[in-house]
Amino acid sequence: MARYAQALGAVCFTGVTPELMALYHEVDRIWDTQPTGGGRGSNFGGARDPKLAWRACFQSPGWQ
């Protein structure tokens, strides 16, 4: 999970890499086994999809 969070934190600069997607799928499998309630699919109910995180980079003022 820590490796995924670190890689996701750099997504604005690296883009969505194959390694990031692999880490996302690993973390997502772990979340699938956990009861997350109604928050599944939100920013709070599991791993954030790297593609959505990357798109958010450009919606944030001053992202550089």
N, C-alpha and C. Protein backbone atom coordinates (compact mmCIF):
# COMPACT_ATOMS: atom_id res chain seq x y z
N MET A 1 0.83 -1.19 0.00
CA MET A 1 0.00 0.00 0.00
C MET A 1 0.87 1.26 0.00
N ALA A 2 1.97 1.25 0.75
CA ALA A 2 2.84 2.42 0.81
C ALA A 2 3.48 2.71 -0.54
N ARG A 3 3.89 1.65 -1.26
CA ARG A 3 4.48 1.84 -2.59
C ARG A 3 3.47 2.45 -3.55
N TYR A 4 2.22 1.99 -3.44
CA TYR A 4 1.17 2.54 -4.30
C TYR A 4 0.94 4.01 -3.99
N ALA A 5 0.84 4.35 -2.70
CA ALA A 5 0.60 5.74 -2.30
C ALA A 5 1.74 6.64 -2.76
N GLN A 6 2.97 6.16 -2.67
CA GLN A 6 4.12 6.94 -3.11
C GLN A 6 4.08 7.15 -4.63
N ALA A 7 3.78 6.11 -5.36
CA ALA A 7 3.71 6.21 -6.82
C ALA A 7 2.55 7.11 -7.25
N LEU A 8 1.43 7.01 -6.55
CA LEU A 8 0.26 7.84 -6.90
C LEU A 8 0.55 9.31 -6.62
N GLY A 9 1.36 9.57 -5.59
CA GLY A 9 1.72 10.94 -5.27
C GLY A 9 2.52 11.63 -6.36
N ALA A 10 3.17 10.86 -7.21
CA ALA A 10 3.99 11.42 -8.29
C ALA A 10 3.30 11.37 -9.65
N VAL A 11 2.04 10.95 -9.69
CA VAL A 11 1.36 10.73 -10.96
C VAL A 11 1.28 11.99 -11.82
N CYS A 12 1.24 13.16 -11.22
CA CYS A 12 1.17 14.39 -12.01
C CYS A 12 2.43 14.61 -12.84
N PHE A 13 3.54 14.03 -12.39
CA PHE A 13 4.81 14.20 -13.09
C PHE A 13 5.17 12.99 -13.94
N THR A 14 4.78 11.80 -13.50
CA THR A 14 5.15 10.58 -14.22
C THR A 14 4.10 10.12 -15.20
N GLY A 15 2.86 10.55 -14.98
CA GLY A 15 1.75 10.02 -15.75
C GLY A 15 1.38 8.64 -15.21
N VAL A 16 0.47 7.98 -15.87
CA VAL A 16 0.03 6.65 -15.44
C VAL A 16 0.97 5.62 -16.05
N THR A 17 1.83 5.07 -15.23
CA THR A 17 2.83 4.11 -15.70
C THR A 17 2.31 2.68 -15.53
N PRO A 18 2.89 1.74 -16.26
CA PRO A 18 2.50 0.33 -16.07
C PRO A 18 2.73 -0.14 -14.62
N GLU A 19 3.81 0.33 -14.00
CA GLU A 19 4.08 -0.05 -12.60
C GLU A 19 2.98 0.47 -11.68
N LEU A 20 2.56 1.70 -11.90
CA LEU A 20 1.49 2.28 -11.07
C LEU A 20 0.19 1.49 -11.24
N MET A 21 -0.12 1.11 -12.47
CA MET A 21 -1.34 0.33 -12.70
C MET A 21 -1.25 -1.03 -12.03
N ALA A 22 -0.08 -1.67 -12.06
CA ALA A 22 0.10 -2.97 -11.41
C ALA A 22 -0.08 -2.83 -9.90
N LEU A 23 0.50 -1.78 -9.31
CA LEU A 23 0.34 -1.54 -7.88
C LEU A 23 -1.12 -1.28 -7.54
N TYR A 24 -1.80 -0.50 -8.39
CA TYR A 24 -3.22 -0.21 -8.18
C TYR A 24 -4.04 -1.50 -8.16
N HIS A 25 -3.78 -2.40 -9.09
CA HIS A 25 -4.54 -3.66 -9.14
C HIS A 25 -4.26 -4.52 -7.91
N GLU A 26 -3.02 -4.51 -7.43
CA GLU A 26 -2.69 -5.24 -6.20
C GLU A 26 -3.48 -4.70 -5.01
N VAL A 27 -3.44 -3.38 -4.84
CA VAL A 27 -4.15 -2.74 -3.72
C VAL A 27 -5.65 -2.92 -3.87
N ASP A 28 -6.14 -2.82 -5.09
CA ASP A 28 -7.57 -2.97 -5.33
C ASP A 28 -8.05 -4.38 -4.95
N ARG A 29 -7.23 -5.38 -5.22
CA ARG A 29 -7.60 -6.76 -4.82
C ARG A 29 -7.70 -6.86 -3.30
N ILE A 30 -6.80 -6.19 -2.59
CA ILE A 30 -6.87 -6.19 -1.12
C ILE A 30 -8.15 -5.51 -0.66
N TRP A 31 -8.46 -4.36 -1.25
CA TRP A 31 -9.69 -3.65 -0.87
C TRP A 31 -10.93 -4.46 -1.18
N ASP A 32 -10.90 -5.25 -2.24
CA ASP A 32 -12.06 -6.09 -2.58
C ASP A 32 -12.40 -7.08 -1.49
N THR A 33 -11.41 -7.47 -0.70
CA THR A 33 -11.66 -8.44 0.37
C THR A 33 -12.09 -7.76 1.66
N GLN A 34 -12.02 -6.42 1.71
CA GLN A 34 -12.36 -5.68 2.93
C GLN A 34 -13.77 -5.11 2.83
N PRO A 35 -14.49 -5.11 3.93
CA PRO A 35 -15.81 -4.45 3.92
C PRO A 35 -15.61 -2.93 3.97
N THR A 36 -15.96 -2.25 2.89
CA THR A 36 -15.75 -0.80 2.84
C THR A 36 -17.05 -0.02 2.88
N GLY A 37 -18.17 -0.69 2.96
CA GLY A 37 -19.43 0.03 3.04
C GLY A 37 -19.80 0.70 1.74
N GLY A 38 -20.58 1.76 1.84
CA GLY A 38 -21.07 2.44 0.65
C GLY A 38 -20.05 3.34 -0.02
N GLY A 39 -18.86 3.45 0.54
CA GLY A 39 -17.86 4.34 -0.03
C GLY A 39 -17.05 3.75 -1.15
N ARG A 40 -17.30 2.51 -1.51
CA ARG A 40 -16.52 1.84 -2.57
C ARG A 40 -16.61 2.65 -3.84
N GLY A 41 -15.48 2.94 -4.42
CA GLY A 41 -15.44 3.71 -5.65
C GLY A 41 -15.22 5.20 -5.41
N SER A 42 -15.33 5.65 -4.18
CA SER A 42 -15.06 7.05 -3.88
C SER A 42 -13.59 7.18 -3.51
N ASN A 43 -13.16 8.39 -3.23
CA ASN A 43 -11.78 8.60 -2.80
C ASN A 43 -11.52 7.98 -1.44
N PHE A 44 -12.56 7.69 -0.68
CA PHE A 44 -12.40 7.20 0.67
C PHE A 44 -12.67 5.72 0.81
N GLY A 45 -13.17 5.07 -0.22
CA GLY A 45 -13.57 3.69 -0.11
C GLY A 45 -12.71 2.70 -0.85
N GLY A 46 -11.45 3.00 -1.03
CA GLY A 46 -10.58 2.08 -1.72
C GLY A 46 -9.44 2.81 -2.40
N ALA A 47 -8.75 2.09 -3.22
CA ALA A 47 -7.63 2.69 -3.95
C ALA A 47 -8.16 3.62 -5.02
N ARG A 48 -7.52 4.75 -5.19
CA ARG A 48 -7.94 5.70 -6.22
C ARG A 48 -7.39 5.26 -7.56
N ASP A 49 -8.25 5.26 -8.55
CA ASP A 49 -7.84 4.89 -9.90
C ASP A 49 -6.78 5.88 -10.39
N PRO A 50 -5.62 5.40 -10.80
CA PRO A 50 -4.55 6.30 -11.25
C PRO A 50 -4.96 7.20 -12.41
N LYS A 51 -5.81 6.72 -13.29
CA LYS A 51 -6.23 7.55 -14.43
C LYS A 51 -7.04 8.74 -13.95
N LEU A 52 -7.89 8.53 -12.94
CA LEU A 52 -8.67 9.64 -12.38
C LEU A 52 -7.76 10.61 -11.63
N ALA A 53 -6.78 10.07 -10.92
CA ALA A 53 -5.84 10.91 -10.19
C ALA A 53 -5.03 11.77 -11.16
N TRP A 54 -4.63 11.19 -12.27
CA TRP A 54 -3.85 11.92 -13.28
C TRP A 54 -4.67 13.04 -13.89
N ARG A 55 -5.94 12.76 -14.19
CA ARG A 55 -6.82 13.80 -14.74
C ARG A 55 -7.00 14.95 -13.75
N ALA A 56 -7.05 14.62 -12.47
CA ALA A 56 -7.24 15.65 -11.45
C ALA A 56 -6.06 16.62 -11.40
N CYS A 57 -4.90 16.19 -11.84
CA CYS A 57 -3.72 17.06 -11.85
C CYS A 57 -3.98 18.33 -12.65
N PHE A 58 -4.71 18.19 -13.71
CA PHE A 58 -4.93 19.32 -14.62
C PHE A 58 -6.14 20.15 -14.26
N GLN A 59 -6.88 19.71 -13.27
CA GLN A 59 -8.04 20.47 -12.81
C GLN A 59 -7.70 21.31 -11.59
N SER A 60 -6.50 21.14 -11.09
CA SER A 60 -6.06 21.83 -9.89
C SER A 60 -5.22 23.05 -10.30
N PRO A 61 -5.58 24.23 -9.84
CA PRO A 61 -4.78 25.42 -10.22
C PRO A 61 -3.37 25.32 -9.62
N GLY A 62 -2.40 25.66 -10.41
CA GLY A 62 -1.02 25.66 -9.95
C GLY A 62 -0.40 24.29 -9.82
N TRP A 63 -0.87 23.30 -10.56
CA TRP A 63 -0.38 21.93 -10.43
C TRP A 63 1.06 21.77 -10.87
N GLN A 64 1.48 22.42 -11.92
CA GLN A 64 2.81 22.38 -12.51
C GLN A 64 3.36 21.00 -12.47
